Protein backbone atom coordinates (compact mmCIF):
# COMPACT_ATOMS: atom_id res chain seq x y z
CA MET A 1 99.52 45.62 112.17
CA SER A 2 102.53 45.22 114.39
CA ASP A 3 105.64 47.27 113.67
CA ASP A 4 107.83 44.21 114.20
CA ALA A 5 106.22 41.59 111.97
CA VAL A 6 106.50 40.46 108.37
CA TYR A 7 103.17 39.85 106.63
CA ARG A 8 102.24 37.94 103.52
CA ALA A 9 99.80 39.38 101.01
CA ARG A 10 99.32 36.85 98.20
CA ASP A 11 102.52 37.60 96.25
CA SER A 12 104.29 40.09 98.53
CA LEU A 13 106.01 40.16 101.89
CA LEU A 14 105.36 43.43 103.71
CA CYS A 15 106.01 45.17 107.02
CA SER A 16 103.91 47.99 108.44
CA ALA A 17 106.23 50.55 106.82
CA CYS A 18 106.15 49.19 103.27
CA ALA A 19 102.49 48.06 103.43
CA GLY A 20 101.25 51.63 103.60
CA TYR A 21 98.46 53.50 105.34
CA THR A 22 95.56 51.48 103.94
CA ALA A 23 97.05 48.19 105.11
CA ARG A 24 97.93 49.60 108.54
CA THR A 25 94.36 50.75 109.11
CA THR A 26 92.37 47.97 107.41
CA GLY A 27 94.64 44.91 107.38
CA LYS A 28 94.32 44.74 103.59
CA THR A 29 96.35 46.09 100.69
CA ILE A 30 94.84 48.68 98.35
CA SER A 31 94.00 45.78 96.01
CA GLY A 32 92.04 44.07 98.82
CA GLN A 33 94.54 41.32 99.69
CA SER A 34 94.43 40.33 103.36
CA LEU A 35 97.67 40.51 105.32
CA ARG A 36 98.69 37.59 107.51
CA PRO A 37 101.90 37.15 109.50
CA VAL A 38 104.37 34.87 107.71
CA SER A 39 104.32 31.29 108.94
CA ALA A 40 107.28 29.20 110.07
CA ARG A 41 106.50 26.89 107.14
CA LEU A 42 106.80 29.72 104.59
CA VAL A 43 110.00 31.08 106.13
CA SER A 44 111.58 27.60 106.33
CA ALA A 45 110.78 26.95 102.66
CA TRP A 46 112.02 30.38 101.52
CA PRO A 47 114.61 29.95 98.70
CA VAL A 48 117.38 32.04 100.33
CA ASP A 49 119.95 31.10 97.67
CA GLU A 50 117.69 32.48 94.95
CA PHE A 51 115.93 35.43 96.62
CA GLY A 52 118.10 36.31 99.62
CA PRO A 53 116.75 36.48 103.16
CA CYS A 54 113.01 36.26 103.79
CA SER A 55 112.38 39.97 104.21
CA CYS A 56 109.66 42.52 103.60
CA ASP A 57 109.66 44.43 100.31
CA CYS A 58 111.46 47.46 101.76
CA GLY A 59 114.10 45.29 103.49
CA ARG A 60 113.54 46.78 106.95
CA LEU A 61 112.74 43.40 108.57
CA ILE A 62 113.97 39.83 108.10
CA ALA A 63 112.09 36.70 109.19
CA VAL A 64 113.94 33.55 110.26
CA VAL A 65 112.85 30.38 112.03
CA VAL A 66 114.43 29.63 115.41
CA ALA A 67 113.36 26.53 117.33
CA GLY A 68 110.26 26.21 115.15
CA ARG A 69 109.10 29.80 115.70
CA VAL A 70 109.27 32.85 113.42
CA VAL A 71 111.66 35.49 114.73
CA VAL A 72 111.59 38.90 113.05
CA SER A 73 114.46 41.33 113.35
CA GLU A 74 116.19 44.16 111.59
CA PRO A 75 118.97 43.02 109.22
CA ALA A 76 121.74 44.10 111.63
CA ALA A 77 120.16 42.06 114.44
CA ALA A 78 119.85 38.99 112.21
CA ALA A 79 123.59 39.14 111.58
CA GLY A 80 124.34 38.54 115.23
CA GLY A 81 122.46 40.92 117.48
CA LYS A 82 119.33 40.38 119.55
CA ALA A 83 115.98 40.18 117.77
CA LYS A 84 114.06 43.45 117.92
CA ASN A 85 110.76 41.91 118.94
CA GLY A 86 112.25 39.56 121.51
CA ARG A 87 110.34 36.56 120.16
CA ASP A 88 112.88 33.85 120.72
């Protein structure tokens, strides 16, 4: 798992910090759900008005779509700073 990515596990959005040790070492949650990076399609369809920004469960990272690509940053960076992972 990358430290600067948001992953989807069936019904959760997780980062390496909130996913936990098992997920970081195996790529699966303790219930066996595989983790996959969020897609631009999922992030674009995210109901921001209802759920807030598309972020991991602990709120450390936010995913947005810029020019058709997923950009992940810390909340302060999303508000106007440079993206942490430089994927832009």
